[in-house]
């Protein structure tokens, strides 16, 4: 009678460990498969949201590129006046006067015999027309051959006052002006943009606003007139 075959050799320890190791259950595998998705969703949740700028300020940021050649990218000046660190606000405490000057340009002020533009009592001294390097401020309004619309002029003026000049739209001093003229909800901006109003008639048109604008005008005029 033949002898029985010898028993197989025992499994090595690493094989035993593999056979006895607890398997990941099916439901856990499904959960693990979703980890990349949840990681992606987490990254979206913690990613800082980009600030969206709309209305006059958005338009003004784009238009200012054509002004930066003279006034500097940050308003530090050059061929044109310094605008940053509050300088433009000293010259034009009222936005209506700045809009008039930007629209008409300094040559129209010379032709009208107006020697000072902006606040005549300006801190640091009034600005006389053509007194800075002898360079004129080019007219921007369409009436005098400029290339900007009324809405674009408002946009770039808002940009210069709040982004470059340093006016704080939340402060007591500037909040009303910002909401009336420069906010995305500004009725004046919307009227200028759709062409229903212009700088010659907006003071009359918006006289019923809680903070009505004063005259802007398209012809050169002294500040406050």
Protein backbone atom coordinates (compact mmCIF):
# COMPACT_ATOMS: atom_id res chain seq x y z
CA UNK A 1 0.00 0.00 0.00
CA UNK A 2 1.41 3.33 -1.07
CA UNK A 3 2.12 5.87 1.61
CA UNK A 4 0.10 9.12 1.73
CA UNK A 5 1.71 12.18 0.13
CA UNK A 6 3.40 14.53 2.55
CA UNK A 7 1.33 17.51 3.68
CA UNK A 8 1.99 20.78 1.85
CA UNK A 9 4.46 23.09 3.52
CA UNK A 10 2.92 25.80 5.69
CA UNK A 11 2.35 29.20 4.09
CA UNK A 12 5.00 31.82 4.73
CA UNK A 13 4.08 34.41 7.32
CA UNK A 14 3.44 37.15 4.74
CA UNK A 15 0.96 34.89 2.93
CA UNK A 16 -0.78 34.08 6.21
CA UNK A 17 -0.98 37.79 7.00
CA UNK A 18 -2.50 38.55 3.59
CA UNK A 19 -5.09 35.80 3.95
CA UNK A 20 -6.13 36.76 7.44
CA UNK A 21 -6.07 40.56 6.96
CA UNK A 22 -9.53 42.12 7.17
CA UNK A 23 -10.80 43.18 3.78
CA UNK A 24 -12.22 46.65 3.15
CA UNK A 25 -15.99 46.20 2.89
CA UNK A 26 -17.73 47.14 -0.35
CA UNK A 27 -19.56 50.11 1.18
CA UNK A 28 -16.25 51.54 2.39
CA UNK A 29 -14.76 51.21 -1.09
CA UNK A 30 -17.67 53.24 -2.45
CA UNK A 31 -17.07 55.94 0.15
CA UNK A 32 -13.34 56.02 -0.58
CA UNK A 33 -14.03 56.45 -4.29
CA UNK A 34 -15.79 59.74 -3.48
CA UNK A 35 -12.80 61.23 -1.65
CA UNK A 36 -11.40 63.06 -4.73
CA UNK A 37 -14.82 64.66 -5.29
CA UNK A 38 -15.11 65.87 -1.70
CA UNK A 39 -11.52 67.14 -1.78
CA UNK A 40 -12.39 69.20 -4.87
CA UNK A 41 -15.52 70.58 -3.23
CA UNK A 42 -13.52 71.52 -0.14
CA UNK A 43 -10.98 73.43 -2.22
CA UNK A 44 -13.79 75.36 -3.89
CA UNK A 45 -15.27 76.24 -0.50
CA UNK A 46 -12.03 77.59 0.97
CA UNK A 47 -10.82 79.38 -2.18
CA UNK A 48 -11.08 83.17 -1.70
CA UNK A 49 -13.83 84.64 -3.85
CA UNK A 50 -12.69 87.25 -6.32
CA UNK A 51 -14.18 90.69 -5.72
CA UNK A 52 -16.57 91.70 -8.50
CA UNK A 53 -16.66 95.38 -9.36
CA UNK A 54 -19.63 96.66 -11.33
CA UNK A 55 -21.14 99.94 -12.47
CA UNK A 56 -19.17 103.19 -12.79
CA UNK A 57 -16.14 101.84 -10.93
CA UNK A 58 -15.78 98.90 -13.33
CA UNK A 59 -15.97 101.18 -16.36
CA UNK A 60 -13.60 103.68 -14.79
CA UNK A 61 -10.92 101.08 -14.07
CA UNK A 62 -10.80 100.27 -17.77
CA UNK A 63 -10.91 103.86 -18.98
CA UNK A 64 -8.16 105.00 -16.60
CA UNK A 65 -5.60 103.10 -18.66
CA UNK A 66 -5.70 105.97 -21.14
CA UNK A 67 -5.13 108.48 -18.32
CA UNK A 68 -2.24 106.62 -16.70
CA UNK A 69 0.24 107.82 -19.31
CA UNK A 70 0.03 111.33 -17.85
CA UNK A 71 -1.12 110.78 -14.27
CA UNK A 72 0.73 107.51 -13.56
CA UNK A 73 -0.71 104.05 -13.06
CA UNK A 74 -1.20 104.74 -9.35
CA UNK A 75 -1.91 108.45 -9.70
CA UNK A 76 1.60 109.57 -8.70
CA UNK A 77 1.67 112.06 -11.55
CA UNK A 78 4.04 112.75 -14.42
CA UNK A 79 3.05 114.91 -17.33
CA UNK A 80 -0.27 115.32 -15.51
CA UNK A 81 -1.15 116.28 -11.95
CA UNK A 82 -0.75 114.01 -8.94
CA UNK A 83 -4.05 112.34 -8.06
CA UNK A 84 -3.25 109.88 -5.29
CA UNK A 85 -3.08 110.33 -1.51
CA UNK A 86 -6.08 112.65 -1.53
CA UNK A 87 -4.63 115.25 -3.89
CA UNK A 88 -7.49 115.03 -6.38
CA UNK A 89 -10.00 115.37 -3.54
CA UNK A 90 -8.34 118.56 -2.34
CA UNK A 91 -8.70 120.03 -5.80
CA UNK A 92 -12.26 118.82 -6.32
CA UNK A 93 -14.14 118.35 -3.04
CA UNK A 94 -17.32 118.23 -5.14
CA UNK A 95 -17.59 115.59 -7.83
CA UNK A 96 -19.72 117.87 -10.03
CA UNK A 97 -16.80 120.30 -10.44
CA UNK A 98 -14.41 117.50 -11.36
CA UNK A 99 -16.83 116.10 -13.92
CA UNK A 100 -17.13 119.53 -15.53
CA UNK A 101 -13.36 119.97 -15.74
CA UNK A 102 -12.71 116.50 -17.14
CA UNK A 103 -15.50 116.94 -19.68
CA UNK A 104 -14.45 120.39 -20.92
CA UNK A 105 -10.67 120.23 -20.51
CA UNK A 106 -8.39 123.04 -19.47
CA UNK A 107 -8.30 124.75 -22.88
CA UNK A 108 -12.01 125.54 -22.55
CA UNK A 109 -11.28 127.11 -19.15
CA UNK A 110 -8.62 129.30 -20.75
CA UNK A 111 -11.03 130.33 -23.52
CA UNK A 112 -13.67 131.20 -20.91
CA UNK A 113 -11.18 133.33 -18.97
CA UNK A 114 -11.33 131.07 -15.90
CA UNK A 115 -7.92 131.24 -14.22
CA UNK A 116 -8.48 128.68 -11.43
CA UNK A 117 -10.09 125.27 -11.66
CA UNK A 118 -11.33 123.31 -8.68
CA UNK A 119 -11.53 124.68 -5.15
CA UNK A 120 -10.12 128.24 -5.07
CA UNK A 121 -9.43 127.73 -1.36
CA UNK A 122 -7.63 124.45 -1.93
CA UNK A 123 -5.32 123.23 0.83
CA UNK A 124 -1.81 123.80 -0.49
CA UNK A 125 -2.96 126.44 -2.95
CA UNK A 126 -5.42 126.71 -5.80
CA UNK A 127 -4.59 125.19 -9.16
CA UNK A 128 -4.30 127.73 -11.93
CA UNK A 129 -5.18 126.64 -15.44
CA UNK A 130 -2.14 125.36 -17.39
CA UNK A 131 0.08 125.88 -14.33
CA UNK A 132 1.42 122.30 -14.20
CA UNK A 133 4.27 121.86 -16.68
CA UNK A 134 2.26 123.99 -19.08
CA UNK A 135 0.42 120.85 -20.12
CA UNK A 136 -3.31 121.14 -20.79
CA UNK A 137 -5.83 118.64 -19.49
CA UNK A 138 -7.32 117.25 -22.73
CA UNK A 139 -11.07 117.61 -23.15
CA UNK A 140 -12.82 114.25 -22.77
CA UNK A 141 -16.43 115.21 -23.56
CA UNK A 142 -17.92 114.56 -26.97
CA UNK A 143 -19.12 118.16 -27.32
CA UNK A 144 -15.51 119.33 -27.66
CA UNK A 145 -14.21 116.37 -29.64
CA UNK A 146 -13.29 114.10 -26.75
CA UNK A 147 -13.56 110.35 -27.01
CA UNK A 148 -15.48 109.46 -23.85
CA UNK A 149 -19.20 109.16 -23.27
CA UNK A 150 -20.81 110.88 -20.29
CA UNK A 151 -21.04 107.51 -18.50
CA UNK A 152 -17.36 106.78 -19.13
CA UNK A 153 -16.37 110.18 -17.77
CA UNK A 154 -18.34 109.50 -14.60
CA UNK A 155 -16.72 106.08 -14.35
CA UNK A 156 -13.15 107.33 -14.61
CA UNK A 157 -13.84 110.21 -12.21
CA UNK A 158 -15.26 107.75 -9.66
CA UNK A 159 -12.21 105.53 -10.12
CA UNK A 160 -9.84 108.45 -9.60
CA UNK A 161 -11.63 109.60 -6.47
CA UNK A 162 -12.19 106.27 -4.72
CA UNK A 163 -9.54 103.86 -6.01
CA UNK A 164 -6.70 106.32 -6.61
CA UNK A 165 -7.55 109.40 -4.58
CA UNK A 166 -8.34 107.43 -1.44
CA UNK A 167 -11.91 108.53 -0.71
CA UNK A 168 -13.50 105.99 1.64
CA UNK A 169 -16.96 105.09 0.38
CA UNK A 170 -17.98 103.95 3.88
CA UNK A 171 -16.96 107.18 5.60
CA UNK A 172 -19.39 109.88 6.64
CA UNK A 173 -17.62 112.34 4.36
CA UNK A 174 -17.88 110.37 1.12
CA UNK A 175 -20.66 107.81 1.58
CA UNK A 176 -23.43 110.02 0.18
CA UNK A 177 -21.43 111.01 -2.88
CA UNK A 178 -20.50 107.41 -3.59
CA UNK A 179 -24.06 106.14 -3.32
CA UNK A 180 -25.43 108.97 -5.44
CA UNK A 181 -22.83 108.89 -8.21
CA UNK A 182 -20.49 105.91 -8.10
CA UNK A 183 -22.33 102.87 -6.76
CA UNK A 184 -23.57 100.16 -9.17
CA UNK A 185 -27.12 101.24 -8.26
CA UNK A 186 -26.55 104.93 -9.06
CA UNK A 187 -29.59 106.28 -10.91
CA UNK A 188 -27.45 109.05 -12.36
CA UNK A 189 -25.00 106.56 -13.85
CA UNK A 190 -27.80 104.46 -15.30
CA UNK A 191 -29.35 107.57 -16.86
CA UNK A 192 -26.04 108.63 -18.39
CA UNK A 193 -25.39 105.11 -19.63
CA UNK A 194 -28.73 104.74 -21.40
CA UNK A 195 -28.63 108.30 -22.71
CA UNK A 196 -31.79 109.53 -21.01
CA UNK A 197 -29.87 112.34 -19.27
CA UNK A 198 -26.69 114.33 -19.82
CA UNK A 199 -24.48 116.69 -17.84
CA UNK A 200 -26.53 119.71 -18.87
CA UNK A 201 -29.85 118.43 -17.51
CA UNK A 202 -29.12 115.86 -14.82
CA UNK A 203 -29.39 118.33 -11.92
CA UNK A 204 -32.95 119.14 -12.96
CA UNK A 205 -33.80 115.53 -13.80
CA UNK A 206 -32.65 114.16 -10.45
CA UNK A 207 -33.77 117.05 -8.25
CA UNK A 208 -36.07 114.70 -6.31
CA UNK A 209 -33.28 112.35 -5.17
CA UNK A 210 -32.63 112.23 -1.39
CA UNK A 211 -29.25 113.82 -2.14
CA UNK A 212 -29.84 115.69 -5.41
CA UNK A 213 -26.86 116.59 -7.59
CA UNK A 214 -25.92 120.14 -8.38
CA UNK A 215 -25.13 121.44 -11.85
CA UNK A 216 -22.35 119.76 -13.81
CA UNK A 217 -22.67 121.34 -17.24
CA UNK A 218 -20.57 120.80 -20.33
CA UNK A 219 -19.23 124.34 -20.75
CA UNK A 220 -16.29 125.36 -18.58
CA UNK A 221 -17.40 127.12 -15.39
CA UNK A 222 -15.92 128.14 -12.04
CA UNK A 223 -16.33 125.62 -9.24
CA UNK A 224 -19.64 125.73 -7.44
CA UNK A 225 -21.44 127.55 -10.26
